[in-house]
């Protein structure tokens, strides 16, 4: 009986020691969420007039000072604009252009454009660099056609790890996208 107890005790010790691995072996590296302090959306009219530039800078992060939001000019009615988004981390010295990283990780990212008021919809541009290798939208390029005077809020969101197969997600509807929000900015814009 004594030999059985000692054997049971040794088995117990062996079990405990086999379960206590080095914690570093158990950590799975993950892709960090991008630090984005500045979102710049440039809308170029197809007619060759001046661009509309929307910029949102939040250099102290959430909860600090209010972000600096600038809008270069109103959109003009009866025009089509091609948009592109640029992202930066201006807390780094020198600042880092995050845009190429987002494009390289298109499978894991998607932009969404939501509007309020009577603003026209911002749609995904139909160009190859606007889609990931599975043919799903990244959405960094957009198109908007203005028809008449309008005003409202344009919200631009970048999701990390969205479900691109969710209902209407490929059409730019954020409701079923899931994922984590990398950045979300809002602009009060007008069409004159």
C-alpha atoms as a PDB file:
ATOM      1  CA  UNK A   1       0.000   0.000   0.000  1.00  0.00           C
ATOM      2  CA  UNK A   2       2.898   2.322   0.815  1.00  0.00           C
ATOM      3  CA  UNK A   3       4.418   1.703  -2.629  1.00  0.00           C
ATOM      4  CA  UNK A   4       1.054   2.488  -4.278  1.00  0.00           C
ATOM      5  CA  UNK A   5       0.804   5.805  -2.358  1.00  0.00           C
ATOM      6  CA  UNK A   6       4.338   6.809  -3.369  1.00  0.00           C
ATOM      7  CA  UNK A   7       3.614   5.901  -7.005  1.00  0.00           C
ATOM      8  CA  UNK A   8       0.399   7.919  -6.935  1.00  0.00           C
ATOM      9  CA  UNK A   9       2.267  10.875  -5.435  1.00  0.00           C
ATOM     10  CA  UNK A  10       4.978  10.690  -8.142  1.00  0.00           C
ATOM     11  CA  UNK A  11       2.327  10.556 -10.876  1.00  0.00           C
ATOM     12  CA  UNK A  12       0.691  13.619  -9.351  1.00  0.00           C
ATOM     13  CA  UNK A  13       4.002  15.523  -9.341  1.00  0.00           C
ATOM     14  CA  UNK A  14       4.665  14.508 -12.929  1.00  0.00           C
ATOM     15  CA  UNK A  15       1.220  15.748 -13.944  1.00  0.00           C
ATOM     16  CA  UNK A  16       1.702  19.111 -12.225  1.00  0.00           C
ATOM     17  CA  UNK A  17       5.153  19.671 -13.699  1.00  0.00           C
ATOM     18  CA  UNK A  18       3.958  18.814 -17.203  1.00  0.00           C
ATOM     19  CA  UNK A  19       1.149  21.392 -16.926  1.00  0.00           C
ATOM     20  CA  UNK A  20       3.368  24.229 -15.760  1.00  0.00           C
ATOM     21  CA  UNK A  21       4.963  25.218 -19.052  1.00  0.00           C
ATOM     22  CA  UNK A  22       6.784  28.426 -19.584  1.00  0.00           C
ATOM     23  CA  UNK A  23       4.068  31.059 -20.145  1.00  0.00           C
ATOM     24  CA  UNK A  24       5.955  32.543 -23.093  1.00  0.00           C
ATOM     25  CA  UNK A  25       5.269  29.319 -25.019  1.00  0.00           C
ATOM     26  CA  UNK A  26       1.544  29.863 -24.577  1.00  0.00           C
ATOM     27  CA  UNK A  27       1.398  33.458 -25.798  1.00  0.00           C
ATOM     28  CA  UNK A  28       0.231  33.728 -29.371  1.00  0.00           C
ATOM     29  CA  UNK A  29       1.457  36.900 -31.086  1.00  0.00           C
ATOM     30  CA  UNK A  30      -1.339  39.079 -32.420  1.00  0.00           C
ATOM     31  CA  UNK A  31      -1.344  41.945 -34.857  1.00  0.00           C
ATOM     32  CA  UNK A  32      -1.580  45.112 -32.790  1.00  0.00           C
ATOM     33  CA  UNK A  33      -4.391  47.550 -33.503  1.00  0.00           C
ATOM     34  CA  UNK A  34      -3.020  50.441 -35.506  1.00  0.00           C
ATOM     35  CA  UNK A  35      -2.542  53.758 -33.695  1.00  0.00           C
ATOM     36  CA  UNK A  36      -4.247  56.272 -35.958  1.00  0.00           C
ATOM     37  CA  UNK A  37      -4.232  59.904 -34.899  1.00  0.00           C
ATOM     38  CA  UNK A  38      -5.076  61.525 -38.228  1.00  0.00           C
ATOM     39  CA  UNK A  39      -7.621  60.691 -40.913  1.00  0.00           C
ATOM     40  CA  UNK A  40      -7.523  62.700 -44.122  1.00  0.00           C
ATOM     41  CA  UNK A  41     -10.162  62.126 -46.817  1.00  0.00           C
ATOM     42  CA  UNK A  42      -9.531  63.830 -50.158  1.00  0.00           C
ATOM     43  CA  UNK A  43     -12.421  64.097 -52.623  1.00  0.00           C
ATOM     44  CA  UNK A  44     -11.450  65.075 -56.160  1.00  0.00           C
ATOM     45  CA  UNK A  45     -14.225  66.209 -58.513  1.00  0.00           C
ATOM     46  CA  UNK A  46     -14.178  64.562 -61.940  1.00  0.00           C
ATOM     47  CA  UNK A  47     -14.697  68.029 -63.454  1.00  0.00           C
ATOM     48  CA  UNK A  48     -11.197  69.086 -62.370  1.00  0.00           C
ATOM     49  CA  UNK A  49     -12.263  71.720 -59.823  1.00  0.00           C
ATOM     50  CA  UNK A  50     -10.678  72.103 -56.365  1.00  0.00           C
ATOM     51  CA  UNK A  51     -10.602  69.112 -54.019  1.00  0.00           C
ATOM     52  CA  UNK A  52     -12.686  68.849 -50.872  1.00  0.00           C
ATOM     53  CA  UNK A  53     -10.365  67.811 -48.033  1.00  0.00           C
ATOM     54  CA  UNK A  54     -11.724  66.513 -44.734  1.00  0.00           C
ATOM     55  CA  UNK A  55      -9.242  66.045 -41.892  1.00  0.00           C
ATOM     56  CA  UNK A  56      -9.652  64.746 -38.358  1.00  0.00           C
ATOM     57  CA  UNK A  57      -6.637  65.035 -36.019  1.00  0.00           C
ATOM     58  CA  UNK A  58      -6.733  63.710 -32.464  1.00  0.00           C
ATOM     59  CA  UNK A  59      -3.170  63.875 -31.184  1.00  0.00           C
ATOM     60  CA  UNK A  60      -3.949  63.162 -27.534  1.00  0.00           C
ATOM     61  CA  UNK A  61      -6.342  60.236 -28.033  1.00  0.00           C
ATOM     62  CA  UNK A  62      -9.826  59.711 -26.684  1.00  0.00           C
ATOM     63  CA  UNK A  63     -10.957  61.696 -23.689  1.00  0.00           C
ATOM     64  CA  UNK A  64      -8.374  64.487 -23.911  1.00  0.00           C
ATOM     65  CA  UNK A  65      -8.751  67.644 -25.913  1.00  0.00           C
ATOM     66  CA  UNK A  66     -11.340  67.792 -28.666  1.00  0.00           C
ATOM     67  CA  UNK A  67     -10.023  66.639 -32.043  1.00  0.00           C
ATOM     68  CA  UNK A  68      -9.186  69.233 -34.669  1.00  0.00           C
ATOM     69  CA  UNK A  69     -11.622  68.796 -37.563  1.00  0.00           C
ATOM     70  CA  UNK A  70     -11.151  70.771 -40.763  1.00  0.00           C
ATOM     71  CA  UNK A  71     -13.223  70.855 -43.952  1.00  0.00           C
ATOM     72  CA  UNK A  72     -11.580  72.743 -46.822  1.00  0.00           C
ATOM     73  CA  UNK A  73     -14.821  73.701 -48.584  1.00  0.00           C
ATOM     74  CA  UNK A  74     -18.371  72.484 -49.209  1.00  0.00           C
ATOM     75  CA  UNK A  75     -19.083  69.861 -51.843  1.00  0.00           C
ATOM     76  CA  UNK A  76     -20.674  71.328 -54.965  1.00  0.00           C
ATOM     77  CA  UNK A  77     -24.007  70.095 -56.266  1.00  0.00           C
ATOM     78  CA  UNK A  78     -24.275  68.193 -59.549  1.00  0.00           C
ATOM     79  CA  UNK A  79     -20.738  66.801 -59.332  1.00  0.00           C
ATOM     80  CA  UNK A  80     -19.100  63.397 -58.922  1.00  0.00           C
ATOM     81  CA  UNK A  81     -16.177  63.119 -56.507  1.00  0.00           C
ATOM     82  CA  UNK A  82     -13.591  60.343 -56.216  1.00  0.00           C
ATOM     83  CA  UNK A  83     -12.412  59.952 -52.645  1.00  0.00           C
ATOM     84  CA  UNK A  84      -9.366  58.393 -51.017  1.00  0.00           C
ATOM     85  CA  UNK A  85      -8.433  58.100 -47.352  1.00  0.00           C
ATOM     86  CA  UNK A  86      -4.986  58.612 -45.824  1.00  0.00           C
ATOM     87  CA  UNK A  87      -4.145  57.548 -42.270  1.00  0.00           C
ATOM     88  CA  UNK A  88      -1.260  58.670 -40.041  1.00  0.00           C
ATOM     89  CA  UNK A  89       0.182  58.156 -36.604  1.00  0.00           C
ATOM     90  CA  UNK A  90       1.474  61.627 -35.774  1.00  0.00           C
ATOM     91  CA  UNK A  91       2.507  60.672 -32.249  1.00  0.00           C
ATOM     92  CA  UNK A  92       5.498  58.842 -33.709  1.00  0.00           C
ATOM     93  CA  UNK A  93       8.586  60.899 -34.459  1.00  0.00           C
ATOM     94  CA  UNK A  94       8.769  61.125 -37.414  1.00  0.00           C
ATOM     95  CA  UNK A  95       5.084  60.551 -38.139  1.00  0.00           C
ATOM     96  CA  UNK A  96       4.117  57.228 -39.721  1.00  0.00           C
ATOM     97  CA  UNK A  97       1.906  56.853 -42.774  1.00  0.00           C
ATOM     98  CA  UNK A  98      -0.407  53.953 -41.793  1.00  0.00           C
ATOM     99  CA  UNK A  99      -2.104  53.846 -45.225  1.00  0.00           C
ATOM    100  CA  UNK A 100       0.272  51.288 -46.845  1.00  0.00           C
ATOM    101  CA  UNK A 101      -0.138  48.949 -43.842  1.00  0.00           C
ATOM    102  CA  UNK A 102      -3.936  49.063 -44.126  1.00  0.00           C
ATOM    103  CA  UNK A 103      -3.738  48.370 -47.874  1.00  0.00           C
ATOM    104  CA  UNK A 104      -1.308  45.465 -47.283  1.00  0.00           C
ATOM    105  CA  UNK A 105      -3.727  44.048 -44.683  1.00  0.00           C
ATOM    106  CA  UNK A 106      -6.846  44.524 -46.839  1.00  0.00           C
ATOM    107  CA  UNK A 107      -8.154  41.066 -45.877  1.00  0.00           C
ATOM    108  CA  UNK A 108      -8.384  42.287 -42.262  1.00  0.00           C
ATOM    109  CA  UNK A 109      -9.791  45.786 -42.842  1.00  0.00           C
ATOM    110  CA  UNK A 110     -12.798  47.575 -44.298  1.00  0.00           C
ATOM    111  CA  UNK A 111     -13.880  51.216 -44.396  1.00  0.00           C
ATOM    112  CA  UNK A 112     -17.533  52.173 -43.961  1.00  0.00           C
ATOM    113  CA  UNK A 113     -19.234  55.447 -44.900  1.00  0.00           C
ATOM    114  CA  UNK A 114     -22.452  56.406 -43.131  1.00  0.00           C
ATOM    115  CA  UNK A 115     -24.441  59.572 -43.749  1.00  0.00           C
ATOM    116  CA  UNK A 116     -27.277  61.408 -42.050  1.00  0.00           C
ATOM    117  CA  UNK A 117     -29.542  64.218 -43.174  1.00  0.00           C
ATOM    118  CA  UNK A 118     -30.128  64.371 -46.907  1.00  0.00           C
ATOM    119  CA  UNK A 119     -26.526  63.656 -47.924  1.00  0.00           C
ATOM    120  CA  UNK A 120     -26.063  61.347 -50.913  1.00  0.00           C
ATOM    121  CA  UNK A 121     -24.521  57.903 -50.269  1.00  0.00           C
ATOM    122  CA  UNK A 122     -20.766  57.404 -50.438  1.00  0.00           C
ATOM    123  CA  UNK A 123     -20.166  54.165 -52.359  1.00  0.00           C
ATOM    124  CA  UNK A 124     -17.096  51.994 -52.867  1.00  0.00           C
ATOM    125  CA  UNK A 125     -15.153  52.885 -56.018  1.00  0.00           C
ATOM    126  CA  UNK A 126     -14.963  50.022 -58.492  1.00  0.00           C
ATOM    127  CA  UNK A 127     -11.176  49.889 -58.899  1.00  0.00           C
ATOM    128  CA  UNK A 128      -8.979  46.868 -58.233  1.00  0.00           C
ATOM    129  CA  UNK A 129      -6.905  48.493 -55.458  1.00  0.00           C
ATOM    130  CA  UNK A 130     -10.120  48.989 -53.476  1.00  0.00           C
ATOM    131  CA  UNK A 131     -10.639  45.242 -52.956  1.00  0.00           C
ATOM    132  CA  UNK A 132      -8.800  42.496 -51.067  1.00  0.00           C
ATOM    133  CA  UNK A 133      -7.476  39.287 -52.636  1.00  0.00           C
ATOM    134  CA  UNK A 134     -10.884  37.636 -52.072  1.00  0.00           C
ATOM    135  CA  UNK A 135     -12.677  40.356 -54.043  1.00  0.00           C
ATOM    136  CA  UNK A 136     -14.194  41.900 -50.888  1.00  0.00           C
ATOM    137  CA  UNK A 137     -14.025  45.667 -50.377  1.00  0.00           C
ATOM    138  CA  UNK A 138     -11.301  47.444 -48.477  1.00  0.00           C
ATOM    139  CA  UNK A 139     -13.168  50.661 -49.233  1.00  0.00           C
ATOM    140  CA  UNK A 140     -10.263  53.115 -49.068  1.00  0.00           C
ATOM    141  CA  UNK A 141     -11.538  54.595 -52.355  1.00  0.00           C
ATOM    142  CA  UNK A 142     -15.072  55.982 -52.581  1.00  0.00           C
ATOM    143  CA  UNK A 143     -17.349  57.773 -55.017  1.00  0.00           C
ATOM    144  CA  UNK A 144     -20.096  60.245 -54.243  1.00  0.00           C
ATOM    145  CA  UNK A 145     -22.391  62.035 -56.694  1.00  0.00           C
ATOM    146  CA  UNK A 146     -24.134  65.165 -55.486  1.00  0.00           C
ATOM    147  CA  UNK A 147     -27.390  66.215 -57.093  1.00  0.00           C
ATOM    148  CA  UNK A 148     -28.782  69.038 -54.993  1.00  0.00           C
ATOM    149  CA  UNK A 149     -28.113  71.063 -51.880  1.00  0.00           C
ATOM    150  CA  UNK A 150     -27.719  68.875 -48.818  1.00  0.00           C
ATOM    151  CA  UNK A 151     -26.264  68.743 -45.333  1.00  0.00           C
ATOM    152  CA  UNK A 152     -25.604  66.166 -42.677  1.00  0.00           C
ATOM    153  CA  UNK A 153     -23.007  64.066 -40.968  1.00  0.00           C
ATOM    154  CA  UNK A 154     -20.503  61.836 -42.767  1.00  0.00           C
ATOM    155  CA  UNK A 155     -19.064  59.141 -40.497  1.00  0.00           C
ATOM    156  CA  UNK A 156     -16.035  57.196 -41.733  1.00  0.00           C
ATOM    157  CA  UNK A 157     -15.178  54.025 -39.818  1.00  0.00           C
ATOM    158  CA  UNK A 158     -12.335  51.566 -40.257  1.00  0.00           C
ATOM    159  CA  UNK A 159     -13.012  48.090 -38.898  1.00  0.00           C
ATOM    160  CA  UNK A 160     -10.294  45.553 -38.124  1.00  0.00           C
ATOM    161  CA  UNK A 161     -11.330  41.933 -38.605  1.00  0.00           C
ATOM    162  CA  UNK A 162     -14.830  42.544 -39.959  1.00  0.00           C
ATOM    163  CA  UNK A 163     -17.009  39.694 -41.177  1.00  0.00           C
ATOM    164  CA  UNK A 164     -16.838  40.583 -44.858  1.00  0.00           C
ATOM    165  CA  UNK A 165     -19.317  37.783 -45.608  1.00  0.00           C
ATOM    166  CA  UNK A 166     -21.948  39.300 -43.306  1.00  0.00           C
ATOM    167  CA  UNK A 167     -25.270  40.423 -44.734  1.00  0.00           C
ATOM    168  CA  UNK A 168     -24.709  43.570 -46.872  1.00  0.00           C
ATOM    169  CA  UNK A 169     -21.207  44.152 -45.466  1.00  0.00           C
ATOM    170  CA  UNK A 170     -19.758  44.044 -48.996  1.00  0.00           C
ATOM    171  CA  UNK A 171     -22.248  46.793 -49.867  1.00  0.00           C
ATOM    172  CA  UNK A 172     -20.808  49.025 -47.157  1.00  0.00           C
ATOM    173  CA  UNK A 173     -23.469  48.415 -44.492  1.00  0.00           C
ATOM    174  CA  UNK A 174     -21.708  48.335 -41.123  1.00  0.00           C
ATOM    175  CA  UNK A 175     -24.537  46.737 -39.077  1.00  0.00           C
ATOM    176  CA  UNK A 176     -23.404  43.111 -39.517  1.00  0.00           C
ATOM    177  CA  UNK A 177     -19.678  43.781 -39.898  1.00  0.00           C
ATOM    178  CA  UNK A 178     -18.497  43.056 -36.363  1.00  0.00           C
ATOM    179  CA  UNK A 179     -14.759  43.363 -35.791  1.00  0.00           C
ATOM    180  CA  UNK A 180     -12.961  46.051 -33.806  1.00  0.00           C
ATOM    181  CA  UNK A 181     -13.050  49.742 -34.651  1.00  0.00           C
ATOM    182  CA  UNK A 182      -9.573  51.032 -35.546  1.00  0.00           C
ATOM    183  CA  UNK A 183     -10.825  54.574 -36.077  1.00  0.00           C
ATOM    184  CA  UNK A 184     -14.149  56.379 -36.419  1.00  0.00           C
ATOM    185  CA  UNK A 185     -14.447  60.040 -37.409  1.00  0.00           C
ATOM    186  CA  UNK A 186     -17.329  62.397 -38.176  1.00  0.00           C
ATOM    187  CA  UNK A 187     -17.621  65.425 -40.419  1.00  0.00           C
ATOM    188  CA  UNK A 188     -20.529  67.890 -40.681  1.00  0.00           C
ATOM    189  CA  UNK A 189     -20.576  68.515 -44.405  1.00  0.00           C
ATOM    190  CA  UNK A 190     -22.710  70.457 -46.846  1.00  0.00           C
ATOM    191  CA  UNK A 191     -23.449  70.349 -50.548  1.00  0.00           C
ATOM    192  CA  UNK A 192     -24.032  73.824 -52.028  1.00  0.00           C
END
